[in-house]
Amino acid sequence: MEIATKTVGEITIVELSGDIDANTAPKVQELVLSLAQSGSKLLLNMTEVPYMSSAGLRSLLALYRQATIKQCKLVLIGLSPEIQDTMSVTGFLQFFTVMDSEDQGIAALNN
């Protein structure tokens, strides 16, 4: 799992690359939760994430909860069809704003 961050204006973009599973989810959760501060704007780019286990889904749920508590705006982009289907079936998809591209995600966060 590789994690890179960059800033575009007021938005922190987190680029994830690799599987999010029981081994990598704690690292992802620790980093991303630390970025979810009061009033912040986060864009989670998952274009290079081919697989996400239930541990990854739990990490996303923890992020959603943290973002809600801290009034942090959060957008996911680049979900593979398989991950999007899993999130839809489990009901997780309804918690997140999901966009297709970085530009769309940035626009959603700036609204």
C-alpha atoms as a PDB file:
ATOM      1  CA  MET A   1       0.000   0.000   0.000  1.00  0.00           C
ATOM      2  CA  GLU A   2       1.310   3.392  -0.992  1.00  0.00           C
ATOM      3  CA  ILE A   3      -0.211   6.612   0.293  1.00  0.00           C
ATOM      4  CA  ALA A   4       0.601  10.032  -1.140  1.00  0.00           C
ATOM      5  CA  THR A   5      -0.906  13.370  -0.187  1.00  0.00           C
ATOM      6  CA  LYS A   6      -1.000  16.679  -1.961  1.00  0.00           C
ATOM      7  CA  THR A   7      -2.833  19.935  -1.450  1.00  0.00           C
ATOM      8  CA  VAL A   8      -4.883  21.812  -4.022  1.00  0.00           C
ATOM      9  CA  GLY A   9      -6.108  25.073  -2.521  1.00  0.00           C
ATOM     10  CA  GLU A  10      -7.896  24.133   0.702  1.00  0.00           C
ATOM     11  CA  ILE A  11      -8.314  20.486  -0.329  1.00  0.00           C
ATOM     12  CA  THR A  12      -6.092  17.633   0.817  1.00  0.00           C
ATOM     13  CA  ILE A  13      -5.961  14.882  -1.797  1.00  0.00           C
ATOM     14  CA  VAL A  14      -5.021  11.427  -0.524  1.00  0.00           C
ATOM     15  CA  GLU A  15      -3.935   9.060  -3.286  1.00  0.00           C
ATOM     16  CA  LEU A  16      -4.091   5.395  -2.322  1.00  0.00           C
ATOM     17  CA  SER A  17      -2.396   2.680  -4.344  1.00  0.00           C
ATOM     18  CA  GLY A  18      -2.702  -1.031  -3.589  1.00  0.00           C
ATOM     19  CA  ASP A  19      -5.091  -3.350  -1.785  1.00  0.00           C
ATOM     20  CA  ILE A  20      -6.807  -2.184   1.385  1.00  0.00           C
ATOM     21  CA  ASP A  21      -7.032  -5.279   3.552  1.00  0.00           C
ATOM     22  CA  ALA A  22      -6.465  -6.371   7.150  1.00  0.00           C
ATOM     23  CA  ASN A  23      -2.733  -5.652   6.808  1.00  0.00           C
ATOM     24  CA  THR A  24      -2.966  -2.190   5.240  1.00  0.00           C
ATOM     25  CA  ALA A  25      -6.277  -0.784   6.535  1.00  0.00           C
ATOM     26  CA  PRO A  26      -4.865   0.325   9.931  1.00  0.00           C
ATOM     27  CA  LYS A  27      -2.159   2.397   8.195  1.00  0.00           C
ATOM     28  CA  VAL A  28      -4.696   3.980   5.851  1.00  0.00           C
ATOM     29  CA  GLN A  29      -7.100   4.684   8.706  1.00  0.00           C
ATOM     30  CA  GLU A  30      -4.417   6.222  10.914  1.00  0.00           C
ATOM     31  CA  LEU A  31      -3.202   8.618   8.225  1.00  0.00           C
ATOM     32  CA  VAL A  32      -6.558   9.624   6.806  1.00  0.00           C
ATOM     33  CA  LEU A  33      -8.221  10.076  10.203  1.00  0.00           C
ATOM     34  CA  SER A  34      -5.407  12.411  11.209  1.00  0.00           C
ATOM     35  CA  LEU A  35      -6.230  14.576   8.182  1.00  0.00           C
ATOM     36  CA  ALA A  36      -9.953  14.806   8.993  1.00  0.00           C
ATOM     37  CA  GLN A  37      -9.809  17.996  11.034  1.00  0.00           C
ATOM     38  CA  SER A  38     -12.535  20.492  11.788  1.00  0.00           C
ATOM     39  CA  GLY A  39     -13.685  22.153   8.584  1.00  0.00           C
ATOM     40  CA  SER A  40     -11.134  20.386   6.377  1.00  0.00           C
ATOM     41  CA  LYS A  41     -11.812  19.126   2.870  1.00  0.00           C
ATOM     42  CA  LEU A  42     -10.575  15.647   1.918  1.00  0.00           C
ATOM     43  CA  LEU A  43     -10.577  13.933  -1.437  1.00  0.00           C
ATOM     44  CA  LEU A  44      -9.756  10.223  -1.287  1.00  0.00           C
ATOM     45  CA  ASN A  45      -8.477   9.043  -4.669  1.00  0.00           C
ATOM     46  CA  MET A  46      -8.982   5.282  -4.901  1.00  0.00           C
ATOM     47  CA  THR A  47      -8.280   4.873  -8.619  1.00  0.00           C
ATOM     48  CA  GLU A  48      -5.327   2.568  -7.890  1.00  0.00           C
ATOM     49  CA  VAL A  49      -7.129   0.440  -5.275  1.00  0.00           C
ATOM     50  CA  PRO A  50      -8.103  -2.842  -6.951  1.00  0.00           C
ATOM     51  CA  TYR A  51      -9.371  -4.593  -3.804  1.00  0.00           C
ATOM     52  CA  MET A  52     -10.865  -3.638  -0.466  1.00  0.00           C
ATOM     53  CA  SER A  53     -11.667  -6.158   2.272  1.00  0.00           C
ATOM     54  CA  SER A  54     -14.135  -5.739   5.113  1.00  0.00           C
ATOM     55  CA  ALA A  55     -11.277  -4.177   7.110  1.00  0.00           C
ATOM     56  CA  GLY A  56     -11.039  -1.485   4.434  1.00  0.00           C
ATOM     57  CA  LEU A  57     -14.765  -0.889   4.620  1.00  0.00           C
ATOM     58  CA  ARG A  58     -14.515  -0.510   8.400  1.00  0.00           C
ATOM     59  CA  SER A  59     -11.749   2.057   7.884  1.00  0.00           C
ATOM     60  CA  LEU A  60     -13.974   4.032   5.521  1.00  0.00           C
ATOM     61  CA  LEU A  61     -16.807   3.911   8.034  1.00  0.00           C
ATOM     62  CA  ALA A  62     -14.483   5.205  10.772  1.00  0.00           C
ATOM     63  CA  LEU A  63     -13.418   8.002   8.426  1.00  0.00           C
ATOM     64  CA  TYR A  64     -17.035   8.864   7.675  1.00  0.00           C
ATOM     65  CA  ARG A  65     -17.830   9.051  11.385  1.00  0.00           C
ATOM     66  CA  GLN A  66     -14.784  11.220  12.122  1.00  0.00           C
ATOM     67  CA  ALA A  67     -15.574  13.524   9.186  1.00  0.00           C
ATOM     68  CA  THR A  68     -19.165  13.900  10.370  1.00  0.00           C
ATOM     69  CA  ILE A  69     -18.144  14.717  13.938  1.00  0.00           C
ATOM     70  CA  LYS A  70     -15.544  17.261  12.826  1.00  0.00           C
ATOM     71  CA  GLN A  71     -17.675  18.707  10.002  1.00  0.00           C
ATOM     72  CA  CYS A  72     -15.050  17.730   7.472  1.00  0.00           C
ATOM     73  CA  LYS A  73     -16.093  17.480   3.825  1.00  0.00           C
ATOM     74  CA  LEU A  74     -15.164  14.153   2.239  1.00  0.00           C
ATOM     75  CA  VAL A  75     -15.345  12.924  -1.354  1.00  0.00           C
ATOM     76  CA  LEU A  76     -14.276   9.567  -2.787  1.00  0.00           C
ATOM     77  CA  ILE A  77     -13.156   9.219  -6.398  1.00  0.00           C
ATOM     78  CA  GLY A  78     -12.001   6.376  -8.603  1.00  0.00           C
ATOM     79  CA  LEU A  79     -13.910   3.524  -7.004  1.00  0.00           C
ATOM     80  CA  SER A  80     -13.598   0.347  -9.055  1.00  0.00           C
ATOM     81  CA  PRO A  81     -16.917  -1.199 -10.109  1.00  0.00           C
ATOM     82  CA  GLU A  82     -16.302  -4.088  -7.693  1.00  0.00           C
ATOM     83  CA  ILE A  83     -15.652  -1.817  -4.700  1.00  0.00           C
ATOM     84  CA  GLN A  84     -18.599   0.397  -5.630  1.00  0.00           C
ATOM     85  CA  ASP A  85     -20.856  -2.674  -5.869  1.00  0.00           C
ATOM     86  CA  THR A  86     -19.683  -3.958  -2.480  1.00  0.00           C
ATOM     87  CA  MET A  87     -20.227  -0.557  -0.891  1.00  0.00           C
ATOM     88  CA  SER A  88     -23.680  -0.362  -2.454  1.00  0.00           C
ATOM     89  CA  VAL A  89     -24.769  -3.827  -1.293  1.00  0.00           C
ATOM     90  CA  THR A  90     -23.518  -3.210   2.254  1.00  0.00           C
ATOM     91  CA  GLY A  91     -25.160   0.218   2.430  1.00  0.00           C
ATOM     92  CA  PHE A  92     -21.832   2.061   2.814  1.00  0.00           C
ATOM     93  CA  LEU A  93     -22.170   3.944  -0.462  1.00  0.00           C
ATOM     94  CA  GLN A  94     -25.026   6.077   0.885  1.00  0.00           C
ATOM     95  CA  PHE A  95     -22.678   7.677   3.439  1.00  0.00           C
ATOM     96  CA  PHE A  96     -20.247   9.079   0.865  1.00  0.00           C
ATOM     97  CA  THR A  97     -20.147  11.565  -1.959  1.00  0.00           C
ATOM     98  CA  VAL A  98     -18.623   9.651  -4.871  1.00  0.00           C
ATOM     99  CA  MET A  99     -17.354  11.303  -8.029  1.00  0.00           C
ATOM    100  CA  ASP A 100     -15.705   9.942 -11.161  1.00  0.00           C
ATOM    101  CA  SER A 101     -12.735  12.301 -11.482  1.00  0.00           C
ATOM    102  CA  GLU A 102     -10.457  14.501  -9.407  1.00  0.00           C
ATOM    103  CA  ASP A 103     -11.872  17.626 -11.073  1.00  0.00           C
ATOM    104  CA  GLN A 104     -15.435  16.581 -10.182  1.00  0.00           C
ATOM    105  CA  GLY A 105     -14.358  15.780  -6.625  1.00  0.00           C
ATOM    106  CA  ILE A 106     -12.679  19.161  -6.205  1.00  0.00           C
ATOM    107  CA  ALA A 107     -15.771  20.903  -7.584  1.00  0.00           C
ATOM    108  CA  ALA A 108     -18.002  18.993  -5.133  1.00  0.00           C
ATOM    109  CA  LEU A 109     -15.774  19.975  -2.203  1.00  0.00           C
ATOM    110  CA  ASN A 110     -15.778  23.630  -3.213  1.00  0.00           C
ATOM    111  CA  ASN A 111     -19.592  23.846  -3.286  1.00  0.00           C
END
